[in-house]
């Protein structure tokens, strides 16, 4: 579900609401300005996390595409 646009959108709002809830518990959301700054920081954090995830997936796919060398599946047996 999280690979599509809708899943990313849903996870974004879950992340924002969770961050705002934690901010409320800690006492960071005393004024409207603090709430806006917290939302901006949470958005930048979420987008950075998605960027890093996409880079790691792309690098893993590039590494996986290289075929591994095979030695005729002889498992170290010597040829007679």
C-alpha atoms as a PDB file:
ATOM      1  CA  UNK A   1       0.000   0.000   0.000  1.00  0.00           C
ATOM      2  CA  UNK A   2       2.834   2.415   0.770  1.00  0.00           C
ATOM      3  CA  UNK A   3       4.395   2.255  -2.688  1.00  0.00           C
ATOM      4  CA  UNK A   4       1.685   4.272  -4.456  1.00  0.00           C
ATOM      5  CA  UNK A   5       0.908   7.951  -4.292  1.00  0.00           C
ATOM      6  CA  UNK A   6      -2.182   7.417  -2.148  1.00  0.00           C
ATOM      7  CA  UNK A   7      -0.235   5.327   0.363  1.00  0.00           C
ATOM      8  CA  UNK A   8       2.503   7.942   0.623  1.00  0.00           C
ATOM      9  CA  UNK A   9      -0.152  10.620   1.139  1.00  0.00           C
ATOM     10  CA  UNK A  10      -1.835   8.628   3.922  1.00  0.00           C
ATOM     11  CA  UNK A  11       1.487   7.869   5.626  1.00  0.00           C
ATOM     12  CA  UNK A  12       2.434  11.553   5.379  1.00  0.00           C
ATOM     13  CA  UNK A  13      -0.664  12.634   7.292  1.00  0.00           C
ATOM     14  CA  UNK A  14      -0.203   9.868   9.862  1.00  0.00           C
ATOM     15  CA  UNK A  15       3.368  11.105  10.356  1.00  0.00           C
ATOM     16  CA  UNK A  16       2.244  14.751  10.671  1.00  0.00           C
ATOM     17  CA  UNK A  17      -0.571  13.946  13.123  1.00  0.00           C
ATOM     18  CA  UNK A  18       1.728  11.739  15.194  1.00  0.00           C
ATOM     19  CA  UNK A  19       4.352  14.471  15.297  1.00  0.00           C
ATOM     20  CA  UNK A  20       1.778  17.060  16.330  1.00  0.00           C
ATOM     21  CA  UNK A  21       0.469  14.738  19.055  1.00  0.00           C
ATOM     22  CA  UNK A  22       3.980  14.229  20.418  1.00  0.00           C
ATOM     23  CA  UNK A  23       4.575  17.987  20.163  1.00  0.00           C
ATOM     24  CA  UNK A  24       1.413  18.568  22.178  1.00  0.00           C
ATOM     25  CA  UNK A  25       2.523  16.086  24.864  1.00  0.00           C
ATOM     26  CA  UNK A  26       5.985  17.605  25.105  1.00  0.00           C
ATOM     27  CA  UNK A  27       4.662  21.163  25.097  1.00  0.00           C
ATOM     28  CA  UNK A  28       6.106  22.419  21.806  1.00  0.00           C
ATOM     29  CA  UNK A  29       2.776  23.597  20.408  1.00  0.00           C
ATOM     30  CA  UNK A  30       2.051  26.574  22.669  1.00  0.00           C
ATOM     31  CA  UNK A  31       1.353  29.049  19.861  1.00  0.00           C
ATOM     32  CA  UNK A  32       0.238  28.953  16.233  1.00  0.00           C
ATOM     33  CA  UNK A  33       3.741  29.888  15.080  1.00  0.00           C
ATOM     34  CA  UNK A  34       5.222  26.881  16.841  1.00  0.00           C
ATOM     35  CA  UNK A  35       2.635  24.583  15.233  1.00  0.00           C
ATOM     36  CA  UNK A  36       3.479  25.933  11.767  1.00  0.00           C
ATOM     37  CA  UNK A  37       7.228  25.522  12.379  1.00  0.00           C
ATOM     38  CA  UNK A  38       6.695  21.993  13.675  1.00  0.00           C
ATOM     39  CA  UNK A  39       4.627  21.110  10.585  1.00  0.00           C
ATOM     40  CA  UNK A  40       7.318  22.515   8.287  1.00  0.00           C
ATOM     41  CA  UNK A  41      10.060  20.598  10.107  1.00  0.00           C
ATOM     42  CA  UNK A  42       8.029  17.385  10.029  1.00  0.00           C
ATOM     43  CA  UNK A  43       7.353  17.825   6.299  1.00  0.00           C
ATOM     44  CA  UNK A  44      11.043  18.360   5.525  1.00  0.00           C
ATOM     45  CA  UNK A  45      11.917  15.320   7.650  1.00  0.00           C
ATOM     46  CA  UNK A  46       9.344  13.134   5.882  1.00  0.00           C
ATOM     47  CA  UNK A  47      10.425  14.243   2.405  1.00  0.00           C
ATOM     48  CA  UNK A  48      14.081  13.656   3.290  1.00  0.00           C
ATOM     49  CA  UNK A  49      13.235  10.196   4.553  1.00  0.00           C
ATOM     50  CA  UNK A  50      11.383   9.391   1.299  1.00  0.00           C
ATOM     51  CA  UNK A  51      14.307  10.716  -0.739  1.00  0.00           C
ATOM     52  CA  UNK A  52      16.795   8.532   1.142  1.00  0.00           C
ATOM     53  CA  UNK A  53      14.506   5.502   0.788  1.00  0.00           C
ATOM     54  CA  UNK A  54      14.164   5.980  -2.963  1.00  0.00           C
ATOM     55  CA  UNK A  55      17.939   6.354  -3.343  1.00  0.00           C
ATOM     56  CA  UNK A  56      18.560   3.156  -1.402  1.00  0.00           C
ATOM     57  CA  UNK A  57      16.002   1.247  -3.491  1.00  0.00           C
ATOM     58  CA  UNK A  58      17.516   2.549  -6.731  1.00  0.00           C
ATOM     59  CA  UNK A  59      21.048   1.611  -5.629  1.00  0.00           C
ATOM     60  CA  UNK A  60      19.904  -1.850  -4.528  1.00  0.00           C
ATOM     61  CA  UNK A  61      18.191  -2.414  -7.876  1.00  0.00           C
ATOM     62  CA  UNK A  62      21.331  -1.337  -9.726  1.00  0.00           C
ATOM     63  CA  UNK A  63      23.477  -3.722  -7.680  1.00  0.00           C
ATOM     64  CA  UNK A  64      21.012  -6.578  -8.098  1.00  0.00           C
ATOM     65  CA  UNK A  65      20.957  -6.211 -11.890  1.00  0.00           C
ATOM     66  CA  UNK A  66      24.570  -7.373 -12.226  1.00  0.00           C
ATOM     67  CA  UNK A  67      24.684 -11.121 -12.806  1.00  0.00           C
ATOM     68  CA  UNK A  68      26.937 -13.118 -10.520  1.00  0.00           C
ATOM     69  CA  UNK A  69      29.614 -15.196 -12.224  1.00  0.00           C
ATOM     70  CA  UNK A  70      28.961 -18.911 -12.223  1.00  0.00           C
ATOM     71  CA  UNK A  71      31.456 -21.722 -12.555  1.00  0.00           C
ATOM     72  CA  UNK A  72      29.351 -24.424 -14.203  1.00  0.00           C
ATOM     73  CA  UNK A  73      27.741 -25.373 -10.858  1.00  0.00           C
ATOM     74  CA  UNK A  74      30.484 -27.868 -10.110  1.00  0.00           C
ATOM     75  CA  UNK A  75      30.916 -26.753  -6.490  1.00  0.00           C
ATOM     76  CA  UNK A  76      34.683 -27.057  -6.464  1.00  0.00           C
ATOM     77  CA  UNK A  77      34.926 -30.520  -8.032  1.00  0.00           C
ATOM     78  CA  UNK A  78      37.993 -31.014 -10.162  1.00  0.00           C
ATOM     79  CA  UNK A  79      37.687 -32.133 -13.740  1.00  0.00           C
ATOM     80  CA  UNK A  80      39.217 -35.564 -14.432  1.00  0.00           C
END
